[in-house]
Each structure stands twice: as structure tokens, then as C-alpha cells.
Amino acid sequence: MTRLIGLSGSLRRGSLNTALLRAAAGLMADGDELTVDTIHGIPLYDGDVEATDGIPAAVTVLKEAIAGADGLLLVTPEYNNSIPGPFKNTIDWLSRPPADTRRVFAGKPVAVMGVSPGGFGTVLAQAAWLPVLRTLGVDLWTGNRLAVSHAGKLFGEDGTLADPKTVDQLRSFVQGFAAFARSASGRAASGG
């Protein structure tokens, strides 16, 4: 069984990126699991707070969930052609203290996808994640790309993904990423 954790970078209740993540969780192959987690409750990073109070409880819980998962799926909105601030802030907290960065992120299979109402999907936000993920030392899955555009036409009023073509693309994406994460886990277990 491959256990993935997924994070949506949006705080909006009606977020289409969160809806995409929920849809992905329902499209996993038998025996694989995608847990939908949240960045809600993560405070703004403040080095003084870290020094005096330590790592916030919400950060610790999320950090342990990621460390225990076989892979991490980032579902990123695109704000002003880049990464949403709250999402980057979460990753910044998760990399604290620096000694934990390796335990949580190094070699961790990671995939990035997203949805937007515009015509380019989240291509620029996904590209903006690359230097961050490289710095964290993740094992970035590049076997497929999912940057869903024109989101307003693809989701029903209840927030469910209603477009059959996009459902098929999403299924292929998440199942491909799960296979990659499973393979990475096998390589790590065999020492290679």
C-alpha cells in the first residue's frame, strides 16, 4: 500500500484546488491511499516565536504526517503568477528546525499539480515551486504534468469534478505518482 498525503495551498472554503485534491483522493488505485490534509492553523513564520515558543503544534502534527507518508502531493493555486504566500509559509515552517528538513523532505517523493480559472492552469506557480523543492532535496516526480485550466467549466456547483476528460487525466496523474512513490520506497528499502 502506498500512503500519500496531499496539501491544498488555498485557504478558501470553496477552493477549486482543494476540490481537485478531494477528487484525486477518490481516484486512487485499490490499496493506495491519499489523505487530504490542510494548511489551516499554520501561523505566519516568525523566527522569534520559534526561538521562544518552539514549533507550533499544528506544524508538528503536519510535519509528522508528511514524514510518515510515502509521498507528498502539493496542489497549488497560482497567485500573481507564483506560489501562494500561505502555502510557502507552511513549507517554511515544516522545514524548521533545519535539522528536521532532511527527515521530513530529503528524498521524499513529491508531485505538484493545480487548477485555475485562467487559460494556463498553474504552470507558473508549479515552476516557482522548483527551486524550493530542489533546496529541500525532495525526489520530484516529473513523469506527468497536471495544470488544469478553465476551472469554472469543469466543476459542478457542489464542487465535484464533473469533466470526464479531466477526471481521466487526474486519475492517471495520481496513480502514476503513487507508483513512483511506491518505487522510491522500494529503492530506499533495498538501499538503492
N, C-alpha and C. Protein backbone atom coordinates (compact mmCIF):
# COMPACT_ATOMS: atom_id res chain seq x y z
N MET A 1 0.85 -1.19 0.00
CA MET A 1 0.00 0.00 0.00
C MET A 1 0.88 1.25 0.00
N THR A 2 0.54 2.18 -0.85
CA THR A 2 1.24 3.45 -0.90
C THR A 2 0.38 4.49 -0.21
N ARG A 3 0.98 5.18 0.76
CA ARG A 3 0.27 6.20 1.52
C ARG A 3 0.79 7.58 1.14
N LEU A 4 -0.05 8.37 0.51
CA LEU A 4 0.29 9.73 0.12
C LEU A 4 -0.45 10.70 1.01
N ILE A 5 0.14 11.88 1.17
CA ILE A 5 -0.55 12.98 1.84
C ILE A 5 -0.63 14.12 0.84
N GLY A 6 -1.78 14.78 0.79
CA GLY A 6 -1.98 15.88 -0.13
C GLY A 6 -2.32 17.16 0.61
N LEU A 7 -1.73 18.26 0.14
CA LEU A 7 -2.00 19.58 0.72
C LEU A 7 -2.47 20.52 -0.38
N SER A 8 -3.57 21.19 -0.12
CA SER A 8 -4.01 22.28 -1.00
C SER A 8 -3.45 23.58 -0.45
N GLY A 9 -2.95 24.41 -1.33
CA GLY A 9 -2.37 25.68 -0.92
C GLY A 9 -3.36 26.80 -0.78
N SER A 10 -4.63 26.49 -0.81
CA SER A 10 -5.65 27.51 -0.68
C SER A 10 -6.35 27.41 0.68
N LEU A 11 -6.68 28.55 1.24
CA LEU A 11 -7.42 28.59 2.50
C LEU A 11 -8.93 28.78 2.27
N ARG A 12 -9.31 29.05 1.02
CA ARG A 12 -10.73 29.31 0.73
C ARG A 12 -11.59 28.07 0.95
N ARG A 13 -12.73 28.28 1.55
CA ARG A 13 -13.69 27.19 1.78
C ARG A 13 -14.11 26.54 0.45
N GLY A 14 -14.34 27.35 -0.58
CA GLY A 14 -14.78 26.84 -1.87
C GLY A 14 -13.65 26.67 -2.87
N SER A 15 -12.45 26.43 -2.41
CA SER A 15 -11.28 26.32 -3.27
C SER A 15 -11.40 25.19 -4.29
N LEU A 16 -11.14 25.53 -5.55
CA LEU A 16 -11.14 24.51 -6.59
C LEU A 16 -9.90 23.62 -6.47
N ASN A 17 -8.81 24.14 -5.93
CA ASN A 17 -7.63 23.30 -5.72
C ASN A 17 -7.90 22.26 -4.64
N THR A 18 -8.60 22.64 -3.60
CA THR A 18 -8.99 21.67 -2.58
C THR A 18 -9.97 20.65 -3.17
N ALA A 19 -10.88 21.11 -4.03
CA ALA A 19 -11.81 20.20 -4.70
C ALA A 19 -11.04 19.22 -5.60
N LEU A 20 -10.02 19.70 -6.28
CA LEU A 20 -9.19 18.83 -7.12
C LEU A 20 -8.49 17.78 -6.26
N LEU A 21 -7.99 18.19 -5.11
CA LEU A 21 -7.32 17.26 -4.20
C LEU A 21 -8.30 16.20 -3.69
N ARG A 22 -9.50 16.62 -3.33
CA ARG A 22 -10.51 15.66 -2.87
C ARG A 22 -10.86 14.67 -3.98
N ALA A 23 -10.98 15.18 -5.21
CA ALA A 23 -11.26 14.30 -6.35
C ALA A 23 -10.12 13.30 -6.54
N ALA A 24 -8.89 13.77 -6.38
CA ALA A 24 -7.73 12.88 -6.53
C ALA A 24 -7.77 11.75 -5.51
N ALA A 25 -8.17 12.07 -4.29
CA ALA A 25 -8.25 11.05 -3.24
C ALA A 25 -9.22 9.94 -3.61
N GLY A 26 -10.26 10.28 -4.35
CA GLY A 26 -11.24 9.29 -4.76
C GLY A 26 -10.85 8.50 -5.99
N LEU A 27 -9.71 8.83 -6.59
CA LEU A 27 -9.29 8.17 -7.83
C LEU A 27 -8.06 7.29 -7.65
N MET A 28 -7.68 7.05 -6.41
CA MET A 28 -6.51 6.22 -6.15
C MET A 28 -6.81 4.76 -6.51
N ALA A 29 -5.77 4.05 -6.91
CA ALA A 29 -5.92 2.63 -7.21
C ALA A 29 -6.21 1.87 -5.92
N ASP A 30 -6.82 0.70 -6.05
CA ASP A 30 -7.10 -0.14 -4.88
C ASP A 30 -5.81 -0.40 -4.12
N GLY A 31 -5.88 -0.23 -2.82
CA GLY A 31 -4.73 -0.48 -1.96
C GLY A 31 -3.87 0.74 -1.72
N ASP A 32 -4.07 1.81 -2.49
CA ASP A 32 -3.33 3.05 -2.27
C ASP A 32 -4.25 4.06 -1.59
N GLU A 33 -3.63 5.01 -0.91
CA GLU A 33 -4.41 5.96 -0.11
C GLU A 33 -3.83 7.37 -0.25
N LEU A 34 -4.71 8.34 -0.42
CA LEU A 34 -4.32 9.74 -0.43
C LEU A 34 -5.11 10.44 0.67
N THR A 35 -4.42 10.90 1.70
CA THR A 35 -5.04 11.62 2.80
C THR A 35 -5.01 13.11 2.49
N VAL A 36 -6.16 13.73 2.55
CA VAL A 36 -6.28 15.17 2.32
C VAL A 36 -6.01 15.87 3.64
N ASP A 37 -4.96 16.68 3.68
CA ASP A 37 -4.63 17.44 4.88
C ASP A 37 -4.78 18.92 4.57
N THR A 38 -4.48 19.76 5.52
CA THR A 38 -4.76 21.19 5.36
C THR A 38 -3.62 22.05 5.89
N ILE A 39 -3.54 23.26 5.36
CA ILE A 39 -2.58 24.24 5.88
C ILE A 39 -3.27 25.21 6.84
N HIS A 40 -4.56 25.00 7.10
CA HIS A 40 -5.28 25.82 8.08
C HIS A 40 -4.62 25.67 9.45
N GLY A 41 -4.52 26.75 10.17
CA GLY A 41 -3.97 26.72 11.52
C GLY A 41 -2.47 26.90 11.59
N ILE A 42 -1.81 27.03 10.45
CA ILE A 42 -0.36 27.26 10.45
C ILE A 42 -0.15 28.78 10.56
N PRO A 43 0.51 29.24 11.62
CA PRO A 43 0.70 30.69 11.77
C PRO A 43 1.78 31.21 10.82
N LEU A 44 1.84 32.51 10.68
CA LEU A 44 2.93 33.11 9.91
C LEU A 44 4.25 32.77 10.56
N TYR A 45 5.23 32.42 9.74
CA TYR A 45 6.54 32.08 10.30
C TYR A 45 7.16 33.31 10.95
N ASP A 46 7.67 33.12 12.16
CA ASP A 46 8.33 34.18 12.91
C ASP A 46 9.46 33.51 13.69
N GLY A 47 10.69 33.83 13.32
CA GLY A 47 11.85 33.24 13.98
C GLY A 47 11.88 33.51 15.48
N ASP A 48 11.35 34.66 15.90
CA ASP A 48 11.30 34.95 17.34
C ASP A 48 10.34 34.01 18.05
N VAL A 49 9.20 33.75 17.43
CA VAL A 49 8.24 32.80 18.01
C VAL A 49 8.87 31.42 18.09
N GLU A 50 9.55 31.02 17.04
CA GLU A 50 10.22 29.72 17.05
C GLU A 50 11.24 29.64 18.19
N ALA A 51 12.01 30.71 18.37
CA ALA A 51 13.05 30.72 19.40
C ALA A 51 12.46 30.68 20.81
N THR A 52 11.34 31.36 21.03
CA THR A 52 10.79 31.43 22.38
C THR A 52 9.77 30.33 22.68
N ASP A 53 8.96 29.97 21.69
CA ASP A 53 7.87 29.01 21.92
C ASP A 53 8.07 27.66 21.25
N GLY A 54 9.06 27.56 20.35
CA GLY A 54 9.27 26.32 19.63
C GLY A 54 8.36 26.21 18.41
N ILE A 55 8.24 25.01 17.90
CA ILE A 55 7.44 24.74 16.71
C ILE A 55 5.96 24.63 17.12
N PRO A 56 5.07 25.36 16.45
CA PRO A 56 3.64 25.28 16.79
C PRO A 56 3.10 23.85 16.64
N ALA A 57 2.13 23.51 17.44
CA ALA A 57 1.57 22.16 17.43
C ALA A 57 1.03 21.77 16.06
N ALA A 58 0.35 22.69 15.37
CA ALA A 58 -0.21 22.37 14.05
C ALA A 58 0.90 22.02 13.06
N VAL A 59 2.04 22.68 13.18
CA VAL A 59 3.19 22.39 12.31
C VAL A 59 3.75 21.01 12.63
N THR A 60 3.89 20.71 13.90
CA THR A 60 4.43 19.41 14.32
C THR A 60 3.55 18.26 13.83
N VAL A 61 2.25 18.40 13.95
CA VAL A 61 1.32 17.35 13.51
C VAL A 61 1.46 17.14 12.00
N LEU A 62 1.48 18.22 11.24
CA LEU A 62 1.59 18.11 9.79
C LEU A 62 2.96 17.55 9.39
N LYS A 63 3.99 18.00 10.06
CA LYS A 63 5.34 17.51 9.78
C LYS A 63 5.43 16.00 9.96
N GLU A 64 4.85 15.49 11.04
CA GLU A 64 4.90 14.05 11.31
C GLU A 64 4.08 13.27 10.28
N ALA A 65 2.97 13.84 9.85
CA ALA A 65 2.16 13.18 8.83
C ALA A 65 2.93 13.07 7.52
N ILE A 66 3.64 14.13 7.14
CA ILE A 66 4.43 14.10 5.90
C ILE A 66 5.59 13.14 6.04
N ALA A 67 6.29 13.19 7.16
CA ALA A 67 7.43 12.30 7.38
C ALA A 67 7.01 10.83 7.31
N GLY A 68 5.80 10.52 7.75
CA GLY A 68 5.31 9.15 7.76
C GLY A 68 4.69 8.68 6.46
N ALA A 69 4.48 9.58 5.53
CA ALA A 69 3.84 9.23 4.26
C ALA A 69 4.89 8.79 3.24
N ASP A 70 4.44 8.05 2.24
CA ASP A 70 5.33 7.61 1.16
C ASP A 70 5.56 8.71 0.13
N GLY A 71 4.69 9.70 0.10
CA GLY A 71 4.83 10.78 -0.86
C GLY A 71 3.96 11.96 -0.49
N LEU A 72 4.30 13.12 -1.04
CA LEU A 72 3.59 14.37 -0.76
C LEU A 72 3.11 14.98 -2.06
N LEU A 73 1.82 15.26 -2.13
CA LEU A 73 1.21 15.90 -3.30
C LEU A 73 0.85 17.33 -2.94
N LEU A 74 1.47 18.29 -3.62
CA LEU A 74 1.18 19.70 -3.42
C LEU A 74 0.21 20.15 -4.51
N VAL A 75 -0.93 20.69 -4.09
CA VAL A 75 -1.93 21.17 -5.04
C VAL A 75 -1.94 22.69 -4.91
N THR A 76 -1.33 23.34 -5.89
CA THR A 76 -1.03 24.76 -5.75
C THR A 76 -1.92 25.67 -6.58
N PRO A 77 -2.55 26.62 -5.94
CA PRO A 77 -3.15 27.72 -6.69
C PRO A 77 -2.02 28.58 -7.27
N GLU A 78 -2.39 29.52 -8.10
CA GLU A 78 -1.41 30.46 -8.64
C GLU A 78 -1.88 31.87 -8.32
N TYR A 79 -1.11 32.57 -7.51
CA TYR A 79 -1.42 33.95 -7.13
C TYR A 79 -0.35 34.86 -7.73
N ASN A 80 -0.77 35.79 -8.55
CA ASN A 80 0.17 36.74 -9.17
C ASN A 80 1.34 36.01 -9.83
N ASN A 81 1.01 34.95 -10.58
CA ASN A 81 1.98 34.17 -11.35
C ASN A 81 2.99 33.42 -10.48
N SER A 82 2.65 33.12 -9.23
CA SER A 82 3.61 32.45 -8.37
C SER A 82 2.91 31.63 -7.28
N ILE A 83 3.70 31.29 -6.25
CA ILE A 83 3.26 30.46 -5.14
C ILE A 83 2.40 31.29 -4.19
N PRO A 84 1.28 30.76 -3.71
CA PRO A 84 0.50 31.46 -2.69
C PRO A 84 1.31 31.60 -1.39
N GLY A 85 1.27 32.76 -0.79
CA GLY A 85 2.01 33.03 0.44
C GLY A 85 1.73 32.04 1.56
N PRO A 86 0.46 31.74 1.87
CA PRO A 86 0.20 30.80 2.96
C PRO A 86 0.80 29.41 2.73
N PHE A 87 0.85 28.99 1.45
CA PHE A 87 1.39 27.67 1.13
C PHE A 87 2.91 27.66 1.34
N LYS A 88 3.58 28.68 0.85
CA LYS A 88 5.03 28.77 1.03
C LYS A 88 5.36 28.90 2.52
N ASN A 89 4.57 29.68 3.24
CA ASN A 89 4.76 29.83 4.68
C ASN A 89 4.69 28.48 5.39
N THR A 90 3.75 27.64 4.98
CA THR A 90 3.62 26.31 5.58
C THR A 90 4.88 25.49 5.35
N ILE A 91 5.38 25.49 4.13
CA ILE A 91 6.59 24.73 3.83
C ILE A 91 7.77 25.30 4.62
N ASP A 92 7.83 26.62 4.76
CA ASP A 92 8.90 27.22 5.55
C ASP A 92 8.86 26.72 6.99
N TRP A 93 7.67 26.68 7.59
CA TRP A 93 7.55 26.17 8.96
C TRP A 93 7.94 24.69 9.01
N LEU A 94 7.51 23.92 8.00
CA LEU A 94 7.79 22.48 8.02
C LEU A 94 9.28 22.17 7.92
N SER A 95 10.05 23.13 7.44
CA SER A 95 11.50 22.91 7.32
C SER A 95 12.26 23.38 8.56
N ARG A 96 11.54 23.72 9.61
CA ARG A 96 12.15 24.19 10.87
C ARG A 96 12.03 23.12 11.94
N PRO A 97 12.98 22.93 12.81
CA PRO A 97 14.33 23.48 12.72
C PRO A 97 15.06 22.83 11.55
N PRO A 98 16.16 23.44 11.10
CA PRO A 98 16.87 22.92 9.93
C PRO A 98 17.22 21.43 10.03
N ALA A 99 17.46 20.94 11.23
CA ALA A 99 17.79 19.52 11.39
C ALA A 99 16.64 18.61 10.96
N ASP A 100 15.41 19.11 10.99
CA ASP A 100 14.25 18.32 10.58
C ASP A 100 14.03 18.29 9.07
N THR A 101 14.62 19.21 8.35
CA THR A 101 14.39 19.30 6.91
C THR A 101 14.70 17.97 6.24
N ARG A 102 15.81 17.38 6.57
CA ARG A 102 16.21 16.11 5.95
C ARG A 102 15.21 15.00 6.29
N ARG A 103 14.82 14.91 7.54
CA ARG A 103 13.90 13.85 7.97
C ARG A 103 12.55 13.96 7.27
N VAL A 104 12.08 15.17 7.09
CA VAL A 104 10.74 15.38 6.52
C VAL A 104 10.77 15.37 4.99
N PHE A 105 11.78 15.98 4.39
CA PHE A 105 11.74 16.21 2.95
C PHE A 105 12.77 15.47 2.11
N ALA A 106 13.97 15.22 2.61
CA ALA A 106 15.04 14.67 1.77
C ALA A 106 14.65 13.33 1.17
N GLY A 107 14.66 13.26 -0.13
CA GLY A 107 14.31 12.04 -0.84
C GLY A 107 12.83 11.72 -0.88
N LYS A 108 12.00 12.56 -0.28
CA LYS A 108 10.55 12.32 -0.25
C LYS A 108 9.98 12.51 -1.66
N PRO A 109 9.28 11.52 -2.21
CA PRO A 109 8.63 11.73 -3.49
C PRO A 109 7.57 12.84 -3.37
N VAL A 110 7.65 13.80 -4.28
CA VAL A 110 6.74 14.94 -4.28
C VAL A 110 6.25 15.17 -5.70
N ALA A 111 4.98 15.48 -5.82
CA ALA A 111 4.39 15.88 -7.10
C ALA A 111 3.63 17.19 -6.88
N VAL A 112 3.51 17.96 -7.95
CA VAL A 112 2.82 19.25 -7.89
C VAL A 112 1.78 19.29 -9.00
N MET A 113 0.58 19.73 -8.66
CA MET A 113 -0.48 19.94 -9.64
C MET A 113 -1.31 21.13 -9.20
N GLY A 114 -2.23 21.57 -10.04
CA GLY A 114 -3.09 22.67 -9.64
C GLY A 114 -4.13 22.98 -10.69
N VAL A 115 -5.06 23.85 -10.30
CA VAL A 115 -6.17 24.24 -11.16
C VAL A 115 -6.38 25.74 -11.02
N SER A 116 -6.74 26.39 -12.13
CA SER A 116 -7.02 27.82 -12.08
C SER A 116 -8.12 28.15 -13.08
N PRO A 117 -8.76 29.29 -12.90
CA PRO A 117 -9.80 29.70 -13.84
C PRO A 117 -9.23 30.20 -15.16
N GLY A 118 -7.96 30.55 -15.19
CA GLY A 118 -7.33 31.09 -16.40
C GLY A 118 -6.96 30.01 -17.40
N GLY A 119 -6.34 30.45 -18.47
CA GLY A 119 -6.02 29.57 -19.58
C GLY A 119 -4.73 28.79 -19.45
N PHE A 120 -3.90 29.11 -18.46
CA PHE A 120 -2.61 28.44 -18.35
C PHE A 120 -2.53 27.48 -17.17
N GLY A 121 -3.66 27.22 -16.52
CA GLY A 121 -3.61 26.35 -15.35
C GLY A 121 -2.74 27.01 -14.30
N THR A 122 -1.89 26.25 -13.69
CA THR A 122 -0.99 26.78 -12.66
C THR A 122 0.46 26.55 -13.06
N VAL A 123 0.74 26.68 -14.33
CA VAL A 123 2.08 26.40 -14.85
C VAL A 123 3.14 27.26 -14.17
N LEU A 124 2.87 28.56 -13.98
CA LEU A 124 3.88 29.43 -13.39
C LEU A 124 4.08 29.14 -11.90
N ALA A 125 3.02 28.86 -11.18
CA ALA A 125 3.16 28.50 -9.77
C ALA A 125 3.93 27.19 -9.62
N GLN A 126 3.62 26.23 -10.47
CA GLN A 126 4.33 24.96 -10.41
C GLN A 126 5.82 25.16 -10.67
N ALA A 127 6.14 25.99 -11.64
CA ALA A 127 7.55 26.28 -11.93
C ALA A 127 8.21 27.01 -10.76
N ALA A 128 7.46 27.88 -10.08
CA ALA A 128 8.02 28.61 -8.94
C ALA A 128 8.35 27.69 -7.77
N TRP A 129 7.70 26.55 -7.70
CA TRP A 129 8.00 25.59 -6.64
C TRP A 129 9.34 24.89 -6.84
N LEU A 130 9.84 24.84 -8.07
CA LEU A 130 11.03 24.04 -8.36
C LEU A 130 12.25 24.40 -7.52
N PRO A 131 12.65 25.68 -7.39
CA PRO A 131 13.82 25.96 -6.55
C PRO A 131 13.59 25.64 -5.08
N VAL A 132 12.36 25.79 -4.60
CA VAL A 132 12.05 25.46 -3.21
C VAL A 132 12.22 23.96 -2.99
N LEU A 133 11.65 23.17 -3.89
CA LEU A 133 11.70 21.72 -3.75
C LEU A 133 13.12 21.20 -3.93
N ARG A 134 13.88 21.83 -4.82
CA ARG A 134 15.29 21.46 -5.00
C ARG A 134 16.06 21.71 -3.71
N THR A 135 15.82 22.85 -3.08
CA THR A 135 16.50 23.19 -1.83
C THR A 135 16.17 22.19 -0.73
N LEU A 136 14.93 21.72 -0.70
CA LEU A 136 14.51 20.76 0.32
C LEU A 136 15.03 19.35 0.05
N GLY A 137 15.51 19.10 -1.16
CA GLY A 137 16.07 17.80 -1.50
C GLY A 137 15.05 16.71 -1.75
N VAL A 138 13.86 17.08 -2.21
CA VAL A 138 12.82 16.09 -2.47
C VAL A 138 13.14 15.31 -3.75
N ASP A 139 12.44 14.22 -3.94
CA ASP A 139 12.52 13.42 -5.16
C ASP A 139 11.30 13.81 -6.00
N LEU A 140 11.47 14.84 -6.84
CA LEU A 140 10.35 15.40 -7.59
C LEU A 140 9.93 14.48 -8.73
N TRP A 141 8.64 14.15 -8.75
CA TRP A 141 8.10 13.33 -9.83
C TRP A 141 7.78 14.23 -11.01
N THR A 142 8.40 13.95 -12.12
CA THR A 142 8.16 14.74 -13.34
C THR A 142 7.60 13.85 -14.44
N GLY A 143 7.03 12.71 -14.07
CA GLY A 143 6.51 11.78 -15.05
C GLY A 143 5.24 12.24 -15.73
N ASN A 144 4.65 13.27 -15.24
CA ASN A 144 3.41 13.78 -15.81
C ASN A 144 3.22 15.20 -15.32
N ARG A 145 2.35 15.94 -15.96
CA ARG A 145 2.05 17.30 -15.52
C ARG A 145 0.54 17.47 -15.51
N LEU A 146 0.05 18.13 -14.48
CA LEU A 146 -1.37 18.42 -14.41
C LEU A 146 -1.54 19.87 -13.99
N ALA A 147 -1.85 20.70 -14.97
CA ALA A 147 -2.12 22.12 -14.74
C ALA A 147 -3.48 22.38 -15.39
N VAL A 148 -4.52 22.23 -14.62
CA VAL A 148 -5.89 22.29 -15.12
C VAL A 148 -6.30 23.76 -15.31
N SER A 149 -6.77 24.07 -16.50
CA SER A 149 -7.19 25.44 -16.80
C SER A 149 -8.70 25.51 -16.98
N HIS A 150 -9.21 26.73 -17.03
CA HIS A 150 -10.64 27.00 -17.24
C HIS A 150 -11.51 26.22 -16.24
N ALA A 151 -11.13 26.30 -14.98
CA ALA A 151 -11.75 25.50 -13.93
C ALA A 151 -13.25 25.72 -13.79
N GLY A 152 -13.71 26.93 -14.10
CA GLY A 152 -15.13 27.21 -13.95
C GLY A 152 -16.02 26.32 -14.78
N LYS A 153 -15.48 25.73 -15.83
CA LYS A 153 -16.25 24.87 -16.72
C LYS A 153 -16.16 23.39 -16.34
N LEU A 154 -15.32 23.07 -15.37
CA LEU A 154 -15.00 21.66 -15.09
C LEU A 154 -15.61 21.11 -13.81
N PHE A 155 -16.01 22.01 -12.93
CA PHE A 155 -16.53 21.58 -11.63
C PHE A 155 -18.02 21.88 -11.54
N GLY A 156 -18.75 20.98 -10.90
CA GLY A 156 -20.17 21.21 -10.67
C GLY A 156 -20.38 22.24 -9.58
N GLU A 157 -21.61 22.67 -9.41
CA GLU A 157 -21.92 23.67 -8.39
C GLU A 157 -21.62 23.18 -6.98
N ASP A 158 -21.61 21.86 -6.79
CA ASP A 158 -21.31 21.29 -5.47
C ASP A 158 -19.80 21.11 -5.25
N GLY A 159 -18.98 21.53 -6.23
CA GLY A 159 -17.53 21.45 -6.10
C GLY A 159 -16.92 20.15 -6.57
N THR A 160 -17.74 19.25 -7.12
CA THR A 160 -17.18 17.99 -7.62
C THR A 160 -16.67 18.16 -9.04
N LEU A 161 -15.62 17.44 -9.35
CA LEU A 161 -15.04 17.47 -10.69
C LEU A 161 -15.98 16.75 -11.63
N ALA A 162 -16.51 17.47 -12.61
CA ALA A 162 -17.56 16.94 -13.47
C ALA A 162 -17.11 16.65 -14.89
N ASP A 163 -15.92 17.06 -15.27
CA ASP A 163 -15.45 16.88 -16.63
C ASP A 163 -14.75 15.52 -16.78
N PRO A 164 -15.31 14.61 -17.59
CA PRO A 164 -14.74 13.25 -17.69
C PRO A 164 -13.29 13.24 -18.17
N LYS A 165 -12.92 14.11 -19.09
CA LYS A 165 -11.54 14.15 -19.59
C LYS A 165 -10.58 14.53 -18.46
N THR A 166 -10.96 15.52 -17.66
CA THR A 166 -10.10 15.95 -16.56
C THR A 166 -10.05 14.86 -15.48
N VAL A 167 -11.15 14.18 -15.24
CA VAL A 167 -11.16 13.06 -14.29
C VAL A 167 -10.15 12.00 -14.74
N ASP A 168 -10.15 11.67 -16.03
CA ASP A 168 -9.20 10.67 -16.54
C ASP A 168 -7.76 11.14 -16.38
N GLN A 169 -7.50 12.43 -16.68
CA GLN A 169 -6.15 12.98 -16.52
C GLN A 169 -5.71 12.94 -15.06
N LEU A 170 -6.63 13.30 -14.17
CA LEU A 170 -6.32 13.30 -12.74
C LEU A 170 -6.05 11.88 -12.24
N ARG A 171 -6.86 10.93 -12.67
CA ARG A 171 -6.65 9.52 -12.27
C ARG A 171 -5.27 9.06 -12.73
N SER A 172 -4.92 9.34 -13.96
CA SER A 172 -3.62 8.95 -14.49
C SER A 172 -2.49 9.61 -13.69
N PHE A 173 -2.68 10.88 -13.36
CA PHE A 173 -1.66 11.62 -12.61
C PHE A 173 -1.44 11.02 -11.23
N VAL A 174 -2.51 10.86 -10.45
CA VAL A 174 -2.33 10.40 -9.06
C VAL A 174 -1.91 8.94 -9.00
N GLN A 175 -2.39 8.12 -9.91
CA GLN A 175 -1.96 6.73 -9.90
C GLN A 175 -0.51 6.61 -10.36
N GLY A 176 -0.10 7.45 -11.31
CA GLY A 176 1.30 7.47 -11.73
C GLY A 176 2.20 7.92 -10.61
N PHE A 177 1.77 8.95 -9.88
CA PHE A 177 2.58 9.43 -8.75
C PHE A 177 2.66 8.38 -7.66
N ALA A 178 1.56 7.70 -7.38
CA ALA A 178 1.57 6.65 -6.35
C ALA A 178 2.54 5.53 -6.74
N ALA A 179 2.57 5.16 -8.02
CA ALA A 179 3.50 4.13 -8.48
C ALA A 179 4.95 4.61 -8.32
N PHE A 180 5.20 5.87 -8.62
CA PHE A 180 6.53 6.45 -8.44
C PHE A 180 6.93 6.41 -6.96
N ALA A 181 6.03 6.82 -6.08
CA ALA A 181 6.31 6.82 -4.65
C ALA A 181 6.55 5.40 -4.14
N ARG A 182 5.78 4.45 -4.64
CA ARG A 182 5.95 3.04 -4.25
C ARG A 182 7.33 2.54 -4.70
N SER A 183 7.71 2.90 -5.92
CA SER A 183 9.01 2.50 -6.45
C SER A 183 10.14 3.13 -5.65
N ALA A 184 9.98 4.41 -5.29
CA ALA A 184 11.00 5.10 -4.49
C ALA A 184 11.13 4.44 -3.13
N SER A 185 10.00 4.04 -2.55
CA SER A 185 10.02 3.38 -1.25
C SER A 185 10.75 2.03 -1.35
N GLY A 186 10.52 1.34 -2.45
CA GLY A 186 11.20 0.06 -2.67
C GLY A 186 12.70 0.25 -2.85
N ARG A 187 13.09 1.31 -3.57
CA ARG A 187 14.52 1.59 -3.76
C ARG A 187 15.18 1.92 -2.42
N ALA A 188 14.48 2.70 -1.60
CA ALA A 188 15.04 3.08 -0.29
C ALA A 188 15.19 1.86 0.61
N ALA A 189 14.20 0.97 0.57
CA ALA A 189 14.24 -0.23 1.42
C ALA A 189 15.37 -1.16 1.02
N SER A 190 15.71 -1.18 -0.29
CA SER A 190 16.78 -2.06 -0.76
C SER A 190 18.15 -1.39 -0.70
N GLY A 191 18.16 -0.12 -0.24
CA GLY A 191 19.42 0.58 -0.11
C GLY A 191 19.91 1.20 -1.40
N GLY A 192 19.06 1.24 -2.42
CA GLY A 192 19.50 1.79 -3.70
C GLY A 192 18.65 2.89 -4.09
